[in-house]
Every structure is written in structure tokens, then in C-alpha cells.
Amino acid sequence: MKTIQIPAMLFRLGACIALAFALRLAADVVVTSNGARIVGKITEISDGTITIATDYAGEIKIKQGMVASIETDRPVAVRLKNGDRVTGIVSEAGAGKLKIAGSNGDSYATMDQIAASWAAGEEDPAITAQRRKWSYQAGVDINGESGTRNQLGTNGIFRATLKGPDDTLQFYTAYNRQVTNGEKSADQFKAGVDYADNFSQATSWYIRDEAGFDRVQDITFDDIAAFGIGYDFIKAKDETLTGRAGVSYRKYEYSAAANTAALSAVGGDVELQYSRKFGKSQLTDKLAYLPDFQDTSNYIITHELAYEVPITRSLWKLAIGVDNSYNSMPVDDVKRLDTIYFTRLELTWERR
């Protein structure tokens, strides 16, 4: 019988194909209590939820209490509820236990004994969450119209936020300019700082200051400073509702053309701030009421509603919303309510 020789090149090619196919098949597995098997990559276990990324359904979140066992195809870091930390490949060991095969030996635990898991070599998310972290947001939109009405509008915002587990510091600035039929219909600038410190689980104190100008309303300089107490009516991972109540100080200086005396008033500061995440999108709603203590008919109401939608998977987002400002005692020939609608392109990033 004649022996058939396989060329060495074809043998190597076949070996590479087999290796690639084996690597393709390698994946993490989550087995639920009802026997379902979900294949993908376990990216995180935290707060009683297992997150697994799949090719066929994207990111899936499963309640840890509904999972019977997990398997990983690579070493992962695991923190148990007793505080122990081990790193290794996780596999089913039978009798309701999992085996974590580490370099210093095997460890065993049940599914409900696992407090968290993350990629090997990375820092424990619980430690990372305790650190303050800067995040930034910059946005701009330019809109125009020609024909029956000629209009050109420019809006820009910037916000820097330093957030930790117990406090939040924000710096922000915004500018809006609108020209309609050759005349300015809006020319506003503001810059501010806001700091809140939680001294209990749901209660905080805050202090803020915002200054700027509004040339359409002949305001050359305005400043609003406030401090008080805040309370979190809702404080969840994806949803928050915070109420604030305190004291404010308002100061307005007008141009000579306004023929209006400068305003200085001490009053109240009542605010509601709501935020809700829908996956990668987010809805924010902020309402503030500032009455004058001496003259209750003199007050300001501000309201901003925005919905942010990510654009692809990059740092870019599209924000759609409305910004309202109501002044009960404006200067002559100026409307009490000032409304700005915006569709804004935003760039967001973090400093880790």
C-alpha cells in the first residue's frame, strides 16, 4: 500500500485552523436555576447581578440568585462575602459548589458566597468606587434659518464634575446667543460652582454660586448664591431624586439703558433634581424656585430638561431638551419667560 505524505505546510495550516476554532469555542458559561445555559463573556459580578456579554444578544444581566453555576475560560478575580479574594479559573465542582483553580491551590465556594468578580489583574471595583473621579462634558450646537426669517443661534456648555462616594463638586459654564433678523434675541452667559456633601445616607448639605450676564435683559452682572440642606427621596444606581431647601442671595446690576436700579435680595432656594438612566441614555430634570423674602411677588423659576442619547459607542452623545427661565419682575419690554430649545452634540469623557 502506498503511503500518502502530508506536506508540512498543510499540517501547520490545519493545526492553526483547529486552534483558532478551539479558541472561538472557548467562552464563559452561566447556568441558570431552570437549566438554561448562556454562553459569552462574564464581565462583572456585583450588587447581586451577573453581567455576561454575548455575540447573539449583546449584554445580558441576570440576578445572581437565579444562577446555579458559572464557568470561565480564563482566570478571574473573585471576592467572597467573608472578604477573601482569590484569582483563578472558575468551574463547577458538583454538590452546588464552584471550584476556583488558583496558582496557590484550589478554593471552593457556593454561588451565593460570591460577592463580586472582575477581570484578573484589575482593581477591585469596591475600592475603585471609593475614589473621587473627574468626568467632563462639553457640548455645542449651531442652528440657522433663512428665508422668511433669518436666524442664527450658537449654544455652548462645559461641565467638570468631581464625584466621590460621599460628595460631588461641579464646575460649569454655558453661553447662548441668538440673532433673529439682524437683532439679538438672546445673549446670555453663566458660570457656576456647586458642592454637595452627604453627612448621612440620604441627607446632605450644599452650597452653590452662579454668576453671569444677560445683555438682552440689560443685565450686566447677576449673581445667585445659595446654601442649605438636601435630601435624597430616591437614591438608586440608575435613578435619583433629590430635594433641596435653603437660603439664597440674589444680586442684579443693570446697564444705564435699562434705567433700573440694582437689585439685592435675600430669599429662599427650593430645588428638585431628577436623573434616570435607560441603558446608555439618560434623562435629567432640574427645577429651582427662588422667592424674595421681603417681596414674595419677586421670584425666579428655572427649569432644564434634557435627554442624552449615545452616538454609536464613542464618547459622543446627542442631547435634546429645553431650558426655561422665568423672572416675575423683568425690566421693561422684556418677557417674563425665556425658553430655549436645543439639540446639542456633546463630548463626554472621564479621568481615571
Protein backbone atom coordinates (compact mmCIF):
# COMPACT_ATOMS: atom_id res chain seq x y z
CA MET A 1 0.00 0.00 0.00
CA LYS A 2 1.30 3.39 -0.94
CA THR A 3 1.73 5.83 1.94
CA ILE A 4 0.37 9.34 1.37
CA GLN A 5 2.65 12.06 2.71
CA ILE A 6 1.00 15.23 4.04
CA PRO A 7 3.09 18.31 3.34
CA ALA A 8 4.35 20.06 6.46
CA MET A 9 2.80 23.37 5.35
CA LEU A 10 -0.69 21.81 5.12
CA PHE A 11 -0.23 20.24 8.54
CA ARG A 12 0.66 23.58 10.12
CA LEU A 13 -2.27 25.25 8.39
CA GLY A 14 -4.66 22.63 9.71
CA ALA A 15 -3.26 22.99 13.21
CA CYS A 16 -3.73 26.77 13.12
CA ILE A 17 -7.31 26.38 11.90
CA ALA A 18 -8.06 23.88 14.68
CA LEU A 19 -6.51 26.15 17.30
CA ALA A 20 -8.48 29.15 16.06
CA PHE A 21 -11.67 27.10 16.09
CA ALA A 22 -10.97 25.93 19.64
CA LEU A 23 -10.34 29.49 20.81
CA ARG A 24 -13.55 30.53 19.12
CA LEU A 25 -15.44 27.87 21.07
CA ALA A 26 -13.84 28.85 24.37
CA ALA A 27 -16.22 31.02 26.36
CA ASP A 28 -17.72 31.59 29.78
CA VAL A 29 -20.94 29.82 30.68
CA VAL A 30 -23.75 30.83 33.03
CA VAL A 31 -26.20 28.10 34.02
CA THR A 32 -29.48 29.34 35.49
CA SER A 33 -31.58 27.55 38.09
CA ASN A 34 -34.02 26.37 35.41
CA GLY A 35 -31.22 24.79 33.37
CA ALA A 36 -30.68 27.47 30.71
CA ARG A 37 -27.08 27.87 29.50
CA ILE A 38 -25.90 31.33 28.45
CA VAL A 39 -22.57 31.41 26.62
CA GLY A 40 -20.47 34.56 26.34
CA LYS A 41 -18.02 36.52 28.46
CA ILE A 42 -18.75 37.27 32.11
CA THR A 43 -17.67 40.89 32.50
CA GLU A 44 -18.74 41.54 36.08
CA ILE A 45 -20.47 40.22 39.17
CA SER A 46 -21.63 42.97 41.54
CA ASP A 47 -24.65 44.04 43.58
CA GLY A 48 -26.26 40.63 43.14
CA THR A 49 -26.16 40.79 39.33
CA ILE A 50 -24.10 38.82 36.82
CA THR A 51 -23.31 40.62 33.56
CA ILE A 52 -22.41 38.50 30.53
CA ALA A 53 -21.62 39.83 27.05
CA THR A 54 -22.89 37.65 24.20
CA ASP A 55 -22.49 37.72 20.42
CA TYR A 56 -26.16 37.00 19.80
CA ALA A 57 -27.98 39.21 22.36
CA GLY A 58 -25.48 41.83 23.46
CA GLU A 59 -25.07 42.42 27.19
CA ILE A 60 -27.31 40.34 29.45
CA LYS A 61 -27.83 40.94 33.18
CA ILE A 62 -29.01 38.05 35.37
CA LYS A 63 -29.91 38.11 39.04
CA GLN A 64 -27.30 36.13 40.94
CA GLY A 65 -29.97 34.33 42.95
CA MET A 66 -31.29 32.78 39.72
CA VAL A 67 -27.88 31.31 38.74
CA ALA A 68 -26.91 27.76 39.65
CA SER A 69 -23.28 27.84 38.47
CA ILE A 70 -20.75 29.65 36.29
CA GLU A 71 -17.66 28.62 34.34
CA THR A 72 -14.87 30.82 32.99
CA ASP A 73 -12.31 30.06 30.30
CA ARG A 74 -9.68 32.31 31.86
CA PRO A 75 -8.62 33.39 35.37
CA VAL A 76 -10.88 35.97 37.03
CA ALA A 77 -10.68 37.78 40.35
CA VAL A 78 -13.31 36.75 42.90
CA ARG A 79 -14.19 38.38 46.23
CA LEU A 80 -16.17 36.26 48.66
CA LYS A 81 -18.65 37.67 51.17
CA ASN A 82 -16.27 36.80 54.02
CA GLY A 83 -13.70 39.19 52.49
CA ASP A 84 -11.35 36.60 50.97
CA ARG A 85 -10.03 37.35 47.47
CA VAL A 86 -8.88 34.62 45.06
CA THR A 87 -7.91 34.58 41.39
CA GLY A 88 -8.35 31.59 39.12
CA ILE A 89 -10.46 29.73 36.58
CA VAL A 90 -13.96 29.04 37.85
CA SER A 91 -15.63 25.70 37.13
CA GLU A 92 -18.47 23.60 38.51
CA ALA A 93 -17.34 21.23 41.27
CA GLY A 94 -20.64 19.44 41.92
CA ALA A 95 -22.83 19.40 45.01
CA GLY A 96 -23.73 23.03 44.40
CA LYS A 97 -20.14 24.24 44.71
CA LEU A 98 -17.76 26.08 42.40
CA LYS A 99 -14.03 25.46 42.15
CA ILE A 100 -11.67 28.42 41.72
CA ALA A 101 -8.38 26.99 40.43
CA GLY A 102 -5.70 29.48 41.50
CA SER A 103 -1.92 29.45 41.36
CA ASN A 104 -1.76 28.76 45.13
CA GLY A 105 -4.26 25.92 45.07
CA ASP A 106 -7.97 25.40 44.64
CA SER A 107 -10.69 27.24 46.55
CA TYR A 108 -14.34 26.25 46.80
CA ALA A 109 -17.46 28.37 47.26
CA THR A 110 -21.16 28.30 46.56
CA MET A 111 -22.77 30.74 44.16
CA ASP A 112 -24.35 32.80 46.95
CA GLN A 113 -20.97 33.16 48.71
CA ILE A 114 -19.53 35.20 45.81
CA ALA A 115 -19.81 38.94 46.48
CA ALA A 116 -18.11 40.23 43.33
CA SER A 117 -15.97 39.21 40.36
CA TRP A 118 -13.98 41.16 37.80
CA ALA A 119 -11.16 40.74 35.28
CA ALA A 120 -7.95 39.32 36.70
CA GLY A 121 -5.23 41.92 37.22
CA GLU A 122 -7.67 44.80 37.61
CA GLU A 123 -8.55 46.61 40.83
CA ASP A 124 -11.48 45.61 42.98
CA PRO A 125 -14.46 47.75 41.84
CA ALA A 126 -15.39 48.30 45.50
CA ILE A 127 -12.05 50.06 46.03
CA THR A 128 -12.36 52.00 42.77
CA ALA A 129 -15.83 53.21 43.77
CA GLN A 130 -14.41 54.80 46.92
CA ARG A 131 -12.15 57.10 44.92
CA ARG A 132 -13.13 60.51 43.63
CA LYS A 133 -13.26 60.65 39.85
CA TRP A 134 -13.36 63.56 37.41
CA SER A 135 -15.79 63.49 34.50
CA TYR A 136 -16.17 66.12 31.78
CA GLN A 137 -18.88 67.22 29.39
CA ALA A 138 -18.57 69.70 26.52
CA GLY A 139 -21.28 70.48 24.00
CA VAL A 140 -22.10 72.88 21.19
CA ASP A 141 -24.87 73.42 18.70
CA ILE A 142 -25.20 75.92 15.86
CA ASN A 143 -28.58 76.36 14.17
CA GLY A 144 -29.71 78.70 11.42
CA GLU A 145 -32.66 79.62 9.26
CA SER A 146 -33.02 81.75 6.13
CA GLY A 147 -35.95 82.87 4.01
CA THR A 148 -38.98 84.46 5.64
CA ARG A 149 -36.98 84.77 8.83
CA ASN A 150 -33.19 84.92 9.14
CA GLN A 151 -31.90 83.36 12.34
CA LEU A 152 -28.52 82.18 13.63
CA GLY A 153 -28.05 80.60 17.04
CA THR A 154 -24.99 79.39 18.93
CA ASN A 155 -25.00 77.47 22.21
CA GLY A 156 -22.10 76.02 24.14
CA ILE A 157 -21.74 74.29 27.51
CA PHE A 158 -18.94 72.82 29.61
CA ARG A 159 -19.14 70.92 32.90
CA ALA A 160 -16.47 69.31 35.08
CA THR A 161 -17.61 67.02 37.90
CA LEU A 162 -15.54 65.53 40.72
CA LYS A 163 -17.63 62.77 42.27
CA GLY A 164 -16.88 60.52 45.19
CA PRO A 165 -18.97 58.18 47.35
CA ASP A 166 -19.87 60.98 49.80
CA ASP A 167 -19.63 64.27 47.92
CA THR A 168 -19.93 65.92 44.50
CA LEU A 169 -18.21 69.06 43.20
CA GLN A 170 -19.29 70.62 39.89
CA PHE A 171 -17.93 73.49 37.81
CA TYR A 172 -20.00 74.57 34.81
CA THR A 173 -20.38 77.30 32.24
CA ALA A 174 -22.80 77.98 29.37
CA TYR A 175 -23.25 80.59 26.65
CA ASN A 176 -26.25 81.20 24.38
CA ARG A 177 -26.51 83.74 21.55
CA GLN A 178 -29.41 84.07 19.10
CA VAL A 179 -29.72 86.62 16.26
CA THR A 180 -33.10 86.97 14.53
CA ASN A 181 -33.50 89.25 11.51
CA GLY A 182 -30.30 91.06 12.38
CA GLU A 183 -31.23 91.71 16.04
CA LYS A 184 -30.05 89.86 19.13
CA SER A 185 -32.85 87.83 20.69
CA ALA A 186 -30.57 86.11 23.23
CA ASP A 187 -27.13 86.87 24.62
CA GLN A 188 -26.59 85.02 27.89
CA PHE A 189 -23.57 83.73 29.80
CA LYS A 190 -23.33 81.94 33.12
CA ALA A 191 -20.66 80.16 35.14
CA GLY A 192 -21.08 78.44 38.46
CA VAL A 193 -19.90 76.01 41.10
CA ASP A 194 -21.99 73.54 43.11
CA TYR A 195 -20.81 71.40 46.04
CA ALA A 196 -22.84 68.81 47.97
CA ASP A 197 -21.64 66.67 50.88
CA ASN A 198 -23.58 63.69 52.24
CA PHE A 199 -23.32 63.57 56.03
CA SER A 200 -25.78 60.64 56.24
CA GLN A 201 -27.21 58.02 53.90
CA ALA A 202 -29.86 60.32 52.37
CA THR A 203 -29.13 63.79 53.80
CA SER A 204 -26.58 66.32 52.58
CA TRP A 205 -25.64 69.96 52.83
CA TYR A 206 -24.88 72.06 49.76
CA ILE A 207 -23.51 75.40 48.69
CA ARG A 208 -23.59 76.91 45.20
CA ASP A 209 -22.90 80.12 43.35
CA GLU A 210 -23.75 81.16 39.79
CA ALA A 211 -22.83 84.41 38.04
CA GLY A 212 -23.17 85.79 34.52
CA PHE A 213 -24.90 88.36 32.33
CA ASP A 214 -27.91 88.73 30.02
CA ARG A 215 -27.48 91.57 27.56
CA VAL A 216 -30.98 91.21 26.07
CA GLN A 217 -32.47 91.89 29.51
CA ASP A 218 -29.85 94.64 30.07
CA ILE A 219 -28.31 92.69 32.97
CA THR A 220 -24.60 93.46 33.05
CA PHE A 221 -23.95 91.23 36.05
CA ASP A 222 -26.05 88.81 38.06
CA ASP A 223 -25.10 86.51 40.91
CA ILE A 224 -27.09 83.90 42.81
CA ALA A 225 -25.54 82.25 45.86
CA ALA A 226 -27.33 79.66 47.98
CA PHE A 227 -26.74 77.09 50.71
CA GLY A 228 -28.95 74.63 52.55
CA ILE A 229 -29.92 71.01 53.16
CA GLY A 230 -30.59 68.30 50.59
CA TYR A 231 -32.49 65.03 50.89
CA ASP A 232 -32.45 62.02 48.54
CA PHE A 233 -36.01 60.77 48.09
CA ILE A 234 -34.71 58.21 45.57
CA LYS A 235 -31.09 57.04 45.56
CA ALA A 236 -30.60 54.05 43.29
CA LYS A 237 -27.96 53.02 40.79
CA ASP A 238 -29.97 54.19 37.77
CA GLU A 239 -32.37 56.69 39.35
CA THR A 240 -32.07 59.62 41.79
CA LEU A 241 -34.46 62.27 43.08
CA THR A 242 -33.00 64.94 45.34
CA GLY A 243 -34.79 67.84 47.01
CA ARG A 244 -33.03 70.94 48.31
CA ALA A 245 -34.17 73.74 50.61
CA GLY A 246 -32.06 76.68 51.77
CA VAL A 247 -31.36 80.39 51.71
CA SER A 248 -30.28 82.39 48.66
CA TYR A 249 -28.82 85.81 47.91
CA ARG A 250 -29.52 87.49 44.55
CA LYS A 251 -27.78 90.49 43.06
CA TYR A 252 -28.57 92.12 39.70
CA GLU A 253 -26.82 95.07 38.09
CA TYR A 254 -28.41 96.68 35.01
CA SER A 255 -26.99 98.77 32.19
CA ALA A 256 -27.64 102.52 32.06
CA ALA A 257 -30.07 101.99 29.16
CA ALA A 258 -32.34 99.89 31.35
CA ASN A 259 -32.93 102.78 33.75
CA THR A 260 -33.43 100.23 36.51
CA ALA A 261 -31.85 100.27 39.96
CA ALA A 262 -29.63 97.41 41.03
CA LEU A 263 -31.38 94.59 42.86
CA SER A 264 -30.12 92.92 46.00
CA ALA A 265 -32.36 90.45 47.82
CA VAL A 266 -32.22 87.63 50.35
CA GLY A 267 -34.65 84.82 49.70
CA GLY A 268 -35.28 81.12 49.62
CA ASP A 269 -33.85 78.35 47.47
CA VAL A 270 -36.07 75.33 46.69
CA GLU A 271 -34.83 72.77 44.16
CA LEU A 272 -35.73 69.37 42.72
CA GLN A 273 -33.18 67.36 40.76
CA TYR A 274 -34.16 64.13 38.99
CA SER A 275 -32.00 61.74 36.97
CA ARG A 276 -32.85 58.41 35.33
CA LYS A 277 -30.69 56.14 33.19
CA PHE A 278 -32.15 53.98 30.43
CA GLY A 279 -29.22 51.77 29.48
CA LYS A 280 -26.68 54.16 27.95
CA SER A 281 -29.20 57.02 27.66
CA GLN A 282 -30.06 59.43 30.46
CA LEU A 283 -32.89 61.81 31.38
CA THR A 284 -32.21 64.80 33.67
CA ASP A 285 -34.76 67.27 35.02
CA LYS A 286 -33.86 70.24 37.25
CA LEU A 287 -36.28 72.75 38.77
CA ALA A 288 -35.41 75.69 41.06
CA TYR A 289 -37.61 78.32 42.76
CA LEU A 290 -36.03 81.40 44.36
CA PRO A 291 -38.50 83.75 46.10
CA ASP A 292 -37.65 87.08 47.73
CA PHE A 293 -38.33 87.05 51.48
CA GLN A 294 -39.33 90.74 51.59
CA ASP A 295 -41.45 90.71 48.44
CA THR A 296 -42.94 87.29 47.63
CA SER A 297 -44.15 88.57 44.24
CA ASN A 298 -40.49 88.87 43.24
CA TYR A 299 -39.15 85.43 42.36
CA ILE A 300 -37.24 83.43 39.76
CA ILE A 301 -38.02 79.94 38.44
CA THR A 302 -35.51 77.99 36.36
CA HIS A 303 -36.10 74.63 34.69
CA GLU A 304 -33.91 72.45 32.49
CA LEU A 305 -34.98 69.15 30.93
CA ALA A 306 -32.55 67.14 28.79
CA TYR A 307 -32.38 63.65 27.30
CA GLU A 308 -28.96 62.33 26.26
CA VAL A 309 -28.58 59.55 23.69
CA PRO A 310 -25.18 57.99 22.86
CA ILE A 311 -23.97 58.13 19.26
CA THR A 312 -22.51 54.73 18.34
CA ARG A 313 -20.12 53.52 21.04
CA SER A 314 -17.86 56.53 21.12
CA LEU A 315 -17.71 59.38 23.63
CA TRP A 316 -20.19 61.42 21.61
CA LYS A 317 -23.77 61.98 22.70
CA LEU A 318 -26.78 63.84 21.34
CA ALA A 319 -28.71 65.93 23.90
CA ILE A 320 -32.24 67.14 23.22
CA GLY A 321 -34.02 69.41 25.67
CA VAL A 322 -35.45 72.70 26.82
CA ASP A 323 -34.18 75.42 29.17
CA ASN A 324 -36.71 77.76 30.83
CA SER A 325 -36.11 80.87 32.94
CA TYR A 326 -38.99 82.85 34.46
CA ASN A 327 -38.45 86.25 36.12
CA SER A 328 -41.55 87.68 37.79
CA MET A 329 -40.17 91.24 37.63
CA PRO A 330 -38.16 91.71 34.41
CA VAL A 331 -37.04 95.06 33.03
CA ASP A 332 -39.35 96.98 30.68
CA ASP A 333 -40.26 95.37 27.31
CA VAL A 334 -38.72 92.03 28.32
CA LYS A 335 -40.87 88.92 28.60
CA ARG A 336 -41.06 87.13 31.91
CA LEU A 337 -40.48 83.68 30.39
CA ASP A 338 -37.36 82.91 28.39
CA THR A 339 -37.35 79.50 26.68
CA ILE A 340 -34.51 77.88 24.77
CA TYR A 341 -34.92 74.63 22.83
CA PHE A 342 -31.71 72.82 21.97
CA THR A 343 -30.34 69.84 20.08
CA ARG A 344 -26.74 69.61 21.19
CA LEU A 345 -23.76 67.48 20.22
CA GLU A 346 -21.82 66.57 23.37
CA LEU A 347 -18.43 65.04 24.11
CA THR A 348 -18.11 63.25 27.47
CA TRP A 349 -15.05 61.66 28.99
CA GLU A 350 -13.57 60.67 32.34
CA ARG A 351 -10.22 60.92 34.02
CA ARG A 352 -9.38 57.64 35.71
